[in-house]
PDB file of N, CA and C in Angstrom:
ATOM      1  N   UNK A   1     -49.806  14.316 -29.900  1.00  0.00           N
ATOM      2  CA  UNK A   1     -48.803  13.458 -29.539  1.00  0.00           C
ATOM      3  C   UNK A   1     -48.125  12.688 -30.683  1.00  0.00           C
ATOM      4  N   UNK A   2     -48.939  12.367 -31.936  1.00  0.00           N
ATOM      5  CA  UNK A   2     -48.499  11.869 -32.985  1.00  0.00           C
ATOM      6  C   UNK A   2     -47.430  12.808 -33.625  1.00  0.00           C
ATOM      7  N   UNK A   3     -47.585  14.034 -33.733  1.00  0.00           N
ATOM      8  CA  UNK A   3     -46.734  15.039 -34.168  1.00  0.00           C
ATOM      9  C   UNK A   3     -45.068  15.070 -33.532  1.00  0.00           C
ATOM     10  N   UNK A   4     -45.465  14.807 -32.227  1.00  0.00           N
ATOM     11  CA  UNK A   4     -44.310  14.695 -31.508  1.00  0.00           C
ATOM     12  C   UNK A   4     -43.320  13.381 -31.820  1.00  0.00           C
ATOM     13  N   UNK A   5     -44.198  12.248 -31.880  1.00  0.00           N
ATOM     14  CA  UNK A   5     -43.659  11.059 -32.162  1.00  0.00           C
ATOM     15  C   UNK A   5     -42.967  10.769 -33.506  1.00  0.00           C
ATOM     16  N   UNK A   6     -43.673  11.584 -34.430  1.00  0.00           N
ATOM     17  CA  UNK A   6     -42.994  11.796 -35.758  1.00  0.00           C
ATOM     18  C   UNK A   6     -41.724  12.740 -36.049  1.00  0.00           C
ATOM     19  N   UNK A   7     -41.685  13.678 -35.072  1.00  0.00           N
ATOM     20  CA  UNK A   7     -40.664  14.569 -35.195  1.00  0.00           C
ATOM     21  C   UNK A   7     -39.463  13.827 -34.549  1.00  0.00           C
ATOM     22  N   UNK A   8     -39.662  12.941 -33.666  1.00  0.00           N
ATOM     23  CA  UNK A   8     -38.652  11.677 -32.898  1.00  0.00           C
ATOM     24  C   UNK A   8     -38.480  10.795 -33.719  1.00  0.00           C
ATOM     25  N   UNK A   9     -39.304  10.356 -34.831  1.00  0.00           N
ATOM     26  CA  UNK A   9     -39.063   9.501 -35.821  1.00  0.00           C
ATOM     27  C   UNK A   9     -39.136   8.044 -35.358  1.00  0.00           C
ATOM     28  N   UNK A  10     -40.410   8.071 -34.295  1.00  0.00           N
ATOM     29  CA  UNK A  10     -40.564   6.688 -33.705  1.00  0.00           C
ATOM     30  C   UNK A  10     -41.921   6.097 -34.029  1.00  0.00           C
ATOM     31  N   UNK A  11     -41.803   4.871 -34.433  1.00  0.00           N
ATOM     32  CA  UNK A  11     -43.285   4.246 -34.668  1.00  0.00           C
ATOM     33  C   UNK A  11     -44.288   3.945 -33.484  1.00  0.00           C
ATOM     34  N   UNK A  12     -45.295   3.753 -33.610  1.00  0.00           N
ATOM     35  CA  UNK A  12     -46.301   3.350 -32.432  1.00  0.00           C
ATOM     36  C   UNK A  12     -45.567   2.479 -31.703  1.00  0.00           C
ATOM     37  N   UNK A  13     -45.004   1.741 -32.247  1.00  0.00           N
ATOM     38  CA  UNK A  13     -44.447   0.289 -31.864  1.00  0.00           C
ATOM     39  C   UNK A  13     -43.570   0.748 -30.750  1.00  0.00           C
ATOM     40  N   UNK A  14     -42.487   1.381 -31.365  1.00  0.00           N
ATOM     41  CA  UNK A  14     -41.280   1.634 -30.516  1.00  0.00           C
ATOM     42  C   UNK A  14     -41.470   2.746 -29.437  1.00  0.00           C
ATOM     43  N   UNK A  15     -42.554   3.513 -29.825  1.00  0.00           N
ATOM     44  CA  UNK A  15     -42.632   4.459 -28.712  1.00  0.00           C
ATOM     45  C   UNK A  15     -43.492   3.743 -27.284  1.00  0.00           C
ATOM     46  N   UNK A  16     -44.400   2.879 -27.807  1.00  0.00           N
ATOM     47  CA  UNK A  16     -45.119   2.124 -26.725  1.00  0.00           C
ATOM     48  C   UNK A  16     -44.227   1.301 -25.853  1.00  0.00           C
ATOM     49  N   UNK A  17     -43.243   0.628 -26.358  1.00  0.00           N
ATOM     50  CA  UNK A  17     -42.123   0.101 -25.369  1.00  0.00           C
ATOM     51  C   UNK A  17     -41.459   1.080 -24.752  1.00  0.00           C
ATOM     52  N   UNK A  18     -40.896   2.238 -25.275  1.00  0.00           N
ATOM     53  CA  UNK A  18     -40.408   3.295 -24.447  1.00  0.00           C
ATOM     54  C   UNK A  18     -41.012   3.447 -23.293  1.00  0.00           C
ATOM     55  N   UNK A  19     -42.595   3.540 -23.002  1.00  0.00           N
ATOM     56  CA  UNK A  19     -43.124   4.074 -22.329  1.00  0.00           C
ATOM     57  C   UNK A  19     -44.145   2.725 -21.585  1.00  0.00           C
ATOM     58  N   UNK A  20     -43.813   1.597 -21.772  1.00  0.00           N
ATOM     59  CA  UNK A  20     -44.224   0.613 -21.229  1.00  0.00           C
ATOM     60  C   UNK A  20     -45.907   0.219 -21.422  1.00  0.00           C
ATOM     61  N   UNK A  21     -46.031   0.405 -22.658  1.00  0.00           N
ATOM     62  CA  UNK A  21     -47.563   0.338 -22.875  1.00  0.00           C
ATOM     63  C   UNK A  21     -47.972  -0.749 -24.523  1.00  0.00           C
ATOM     64  N   UNK A  22     -49.052  -1.108 -24.350  1.00  0.00           N
ATOM     65  CA  UNK A  22     -49.177  -1.500 -25.855  1.00  0.00           C
ATOM     66  C   UNK A  22     -49.512  -0.497 -26.896  1.00  0.00           C
ATOM     67  N   UNK A  23     -49.050  -1.135 -28.226  1.00  0.00           N
ATOM     68  CA  UNK A  23     -49.408  -0.237 -29.240  1.00  0.00           C
ATOM     69  C   UNK A  23     -50.877   0.238 -29.210  1.00  0.00           C
ATOM     70  N   UNK A  24     -51.817  -0.670 -29.191  1.00  0.00           N
ATOM     71  CA  UNK A  24     -53.211  -0.330 -28.762  1.00  0.00           C
ATOM     72  C   UNK A  24     -53.255   0.858 -27.969  1.00  0.00           C
ATOM     73  N   UNK A  25     -52.697   1.122 -26.754  1.00  0.00           N
ATOM     74  CA  UNK A  25     -52.556   2.315 -26.090  1.00  0.00           C
ATOM     75  C   UNK A  25     -52.329   3.451 -26.590  1.00  0.00           C
ATOM     76  N   UNK A  26     -51.427   3.411 -27.471  1.00  0.00           N
ATOM     77  CA  UNK A  26     -50.557   4.667 -28.120  1.00  0.00           C
ATOM     78  C   UNK A  26     -51.897   4.891 -29.370  1.00  0.00           C
ATOM     79  N   UNK A  27     -52.385   3.909 -29.866  1.00  0.00           N
ATOM     80  CA  UNK A  27     -53.373   4.207 -30.919  1.00  0.00           C
ATOM     81  C   UNK A  27     -54.189   5.034 -30.201  1.00  0.00           C
ATOM     82  N   UNK A  28     -55.027   4.471 -29.233  1.00  0.00           N
ATOM     83  CA  UNK A  28     -56.216   5.313 -28.492  1.00  0.00           C
ATOM     84  C   UNK A  28     -55.658   6.595 -28.115  1.00  0.00           C
ATOM     85  N   UNK A  29     -54.568   6.579 -27.411  1.00  0.00           N
ATOM     86  CA  UNK A  29     -53.877   7.968 -26.930  1.00  0.00           C
ATOM     87  C   UNK A  29     -54.158   9.099 -28.258  1.00  0.00           C
ATOM     88  N   UNK A  30     -53.525   8.628 -29.153  1.00  0.00           N
ATOM     89  CA  UNK A  30     -53.343   9.738 -30.450  1.00  0.00           C
ATOM     90  C   UNK A  30     -54.883   9.714 -30.993  1.00  0.00           C
ATOM     91  N   UNK A  31     -55.854   9.020 -30.913  1.00  0.00           N
ATOM     92  CA  UNK A  31     -57.246   9.227 -31.398  1.00  0.00           C
ATOM     93  C   UNK A  31     -57.991   9.861 -30.134  1.00  0.00           C
ATOM     94  N   UNK A  32     -57.734   9.818 -29.209  1.00  0.00           N
ATOM     95  CA  UNK A  32     -58.306  10.835 -28.136  1.00  0.00           C
ATOM     96  C   UNK A  32     -59.486  10.103 -27.494  1.00  0.00           C
ATOM     97  N   UNK A  33     -59.055   8.774 -27.531  1.00  0.00           N
ATOM     98  CA  UNK A  33     -60.238   8.009 -27.141  1.00  0.00           C
ATOM     99  C   UNK A  33     -59.835   7.371 -25.847  1.00  0.00           C
ATOM    100  N   UNK A  34     -58.696   7.784 -25.243  1.00  0.00           N
ATOM    101  CA  UNK A  34     -57.983   7.210 -23.966  1.00  0.00           C
ATOM    102  C   UNK A  34     -57.202   8.651 -23.377  1.00  0.00           C
ATOM    103  N   UNK A  35     -57.461   8.778 -22.082  1.00  0.00           N
ATOM    104  CA  UNK A  35     -56.858   9.522 -21.059  1.00  0.00           C
ATOM    105  C   UNK A  35     -55.668   8.909 -20.402  1.00  0.00           C
ATOM    106  N   UNK A  36     -54.732   9.397 -20.390  1.00  0.00           N
ATOM    107  CA  UNK A  36     -53.561   8.522 -19.705  1.00  0.00           C
ATOM    108  C   UNK A  36     -53.354   8.746 -18.339  1.00  0.00           C
ATOM    109  N   UNK A  37     -52.888   7.783 -17.686  1.00  0.00           N
ATOM    110  CA  UNK A  37     -52.646   8.180 -16.059  1.00  0.00           C
ATOM    111  C   UNK A  37     -51.738   9.208 -15.969  1.00  0.00           C
ATOM    112  N   UNK A  38     -51.355   9.717 -14.950  1.00  0.00           N
ATOM    113  CA  UNK A  38     -50.705  10.811 -14.719  1.00  0.00           C
ATOM    114  C   UNK A  38     -49.065  10.437 -15.048  1.00  0.00           C
ATOM    115  N   UNK A  39     -48.920   9.214 -14.123  1.00  0.00           N
ATOM    116  CA  UNK A  39     -47.642   8.355 -14.550  1.00  0.00           C
ATOM    117  C   UNK A  39     -47.189   8.248 -15.764  1.00  0.00           C
ATOM    118  N   UNK A  40     -48.393   7.564 -16.632  1.00  0.00           N
ATOM    119  CA  UNK A  40     -47.920   7.727 -17.948  1.00  0.00           C
ATOM    120  C   UNK A  40     -47.418   8.895 -19.080  1.00  0.00           C
ATOM    121  N   UNK A  41     -48.447  10.111 -18.303  1.00  0.00           N
ATOM    122  CA  UNK A  41     -48.470  11.273 -19.064  1.00  0.00           C
ATOM    123  C   UNK A  41     -46.945  11.922 -18.849  1.00  0.00           C
ATOM    124  N   UNK A  42     -46.539  11.670 -17.517  1.00  0.00           N
ATOM    125  CA  UNK A  42     -44.971  12.297 -17.237  1.00  0.00           C
ATOM    126  C   UNK A  42     -44.315  11.514 -18.145  1.00  0.00           C
ATOM    127  N   UNK A  43     -44.361  10.210 -18.050  1.00  0.00           N
ATOM    128  CA  UNK A  43     -43.424   9.297 -19.043  1.00  0.00           C
ATOM    129  C   UNK A  43     -43.334   9.667 -20.294  1.00  0.00           C
ATOM    130  N   UNK A  44     -44.602   9.842 -21.047  1.00  0.00           N
ATOM    131  CA  UNK A  44     -44.549  10.464 -22.416  1.00  0.00           C
ATOM    132  C   UNK A  44     -44.006  12.103 -22.496  1.00  0.00           C
ATOM    133  N   UNK A  45     -44.262  12.867 -21.538  1.00  0.00           N
ATOM    134  CA  UNK A  45     -43.750  14.225 -21.772  1.00  0.00           C
ATOM    135  C   UNK A  45     -41.901  13.879 -21.511  1.00  0.00           C
ATOM    136  N   UNK A  46     -41.550  13.140 -20.659  1.00  0.00           N
ATOM    137  CA  UNK A  46     -40.175  13.058 -20.585  1.00  0.00           C
ATOM    138  C   UNK A  46     -39.471  12.508 -21.923  1.00  0.00           C
ATOM    139  N   UNK A  47     -40.063  11.385 -22.559  1.00  0.00           N
ATOM    140  CA  UNK A  47     -39.554  11.039 -23.893  1.00  0.00           C
ATOM    141  C   UNK A  47     -39.433  12.100 -24.608  1.00  0.00           C
ATOM    142  N   UNK A  48     -40.186  13.146 -24.591  1.00  0.00           N
ATOM    143  CA  UNK A  48     -40.316  14.067 -25.668  1.00  0.00           C
ATOM    144  C   UNK A  48     -39.535  15.167 -25.182  1.00  0.00           C
ATOM    145  N   UNK A  49     -38.785  15.299 -23.824  1.00  0.00           N
ATOM    146  CA  UNK A  49     -38.147  16.697 -23.489  1.00  0.00           C
ATOM    147  C   UNK A  49     -39.332  17.808 -23.302  1.00  0.00           C
ATOM    148  N   UNK A  50     -40.313  17.505 -22.846  1.00  0.00           N
ATOM    149  CA  UNK A  50     -41.347  18.595 -22.586  1.00  0.00           C
ATOM    150  C   UNK A  50     -41.954  18.457 -21.589  1.00  0.00           C
ATOM    151  N   UNK A  51     -43.332  19.323 -21.735  1.00  0.00           N
ATOM    152  CA  UNK A  51     -44.122  19.390 -20.287  1.00  0.00           C
ATOM    153  C   UNK A  51     -45.541  18.523 -20.706  1.00  0.00           C
ATOM    154  N   UNK A  52     -46.237  18.248 -19.874  1.00  0.00           N
ATOM    155  CA  UNK A  52     -47.468  17.280 -19.897  1.00  0.00           C
ATOM    156  C   UNK A  52     -48.374  18.322 -20.771  1.00  0.00           C
ATOM    157  N   UNK A  53     -48.417  19.443 -20.326  1.00  0.00           N
ATOM    158  CA  UNK A  53     -49.367  20.507 -21.240  1.00  0.00           C
ATOM    159  C   UNK A  53     -48.895  20.696 -22.475  1.00  0.00           C
ATOM    160  N   UNK A  54     -47.753  20.528 -23.022  1.00  0.00           N
ATOM    161  CA  UNK A  54     -47.539  20.449 -24.360  1.00  0.00           C
ATOM    162  C   UNK A  54     -47.755  19.226 -25.361  1.00  0.00           C
ATOM    163  N   UNK A  55     -48.010  18.148 -24.493  1.00  0.00           N
ATOM    164  CA  UNK A  55     -48.482  16.767 -25.041  1.00  0.00           C
ATOM    165  C   UNK A  55     -49.963  16.835 -25.088  1.00  0.00           C
ATOM    166  N   UNK A  56     -50.481  17.071 -23.773  1.00  0.00           N
ATOM    167  CA  UNK A  56     -52.135  17.006 -23.693  1.00  0.00           C
ATOM    168  C   UNK A  56     -53.045  18.290 -23.414  1.00  0.00           C
ATOM    169  N   UNK A  57     -54.127  18.335 -23.834  1.00  0.00           N
ATOM    170  CA  UNK A  57     -54.961  19.436 -23.725  1.00  0.00           C
ATOM    171  C   UNK A  57     -55.958  18.953 -22.726  1.00  0.00           C
ATOM    172  N   UNK A  58     -55.738  19.497 -21.561  1.00  0.00           N
ATOM    173  CA  UNK A  58     -56.905  19.414 -20.444  1.00  0.00           C
ATOM    174  C   UNK A  58     -58.318  19.772 -20.911  1.00  0.00           C
ATOM    175  N   UNK A  59     -59.426  19.427 -20.995  1.00  0.00           N
ATOM    176  CA  UNK A  59     -60.778  19.771 -21.382  1.00  0.00           C
ATOM    177  C   UNK A  59     -61.666  19.432 -20.146  1.00  0.00           C
ATOM    178  N   UNK A  60     -62.305  20.271 -19.645  1.00  0.00           N
ATOM    179  CA  UNK A  60     -63.399  19.952 -18.566  1.00  0.00           C
ATOM    180  C   UNK A  60     -64.404  19.181 -19.183  1.00  0.00           C
ATOM    181  N   UNK A  61     -65.086  18.296 -18.406  1.00  0.00           N
ATOM    182  CA  UNK A  61     -66.126  17.541 -18.821  1.00  0.00           C
ATOM    183  C   UNK A  61     -67.380  18.466 -18.840  1.00  0.00           C
TER     184      UNK A  61
END
């Protein structure tokens, strides 16, 4: 996600505001410590004009 954010020249704070979450949530997502809700995943993919699969990798537990 960070690579996509960098490509779009968005800071963590700017991106957080676009998807209506805290900057801490963006940090946790980028570090892999937090899995987004399906709604948040769709919002993020939409901002980057791509699919959820291109932003997040699903790993079975």
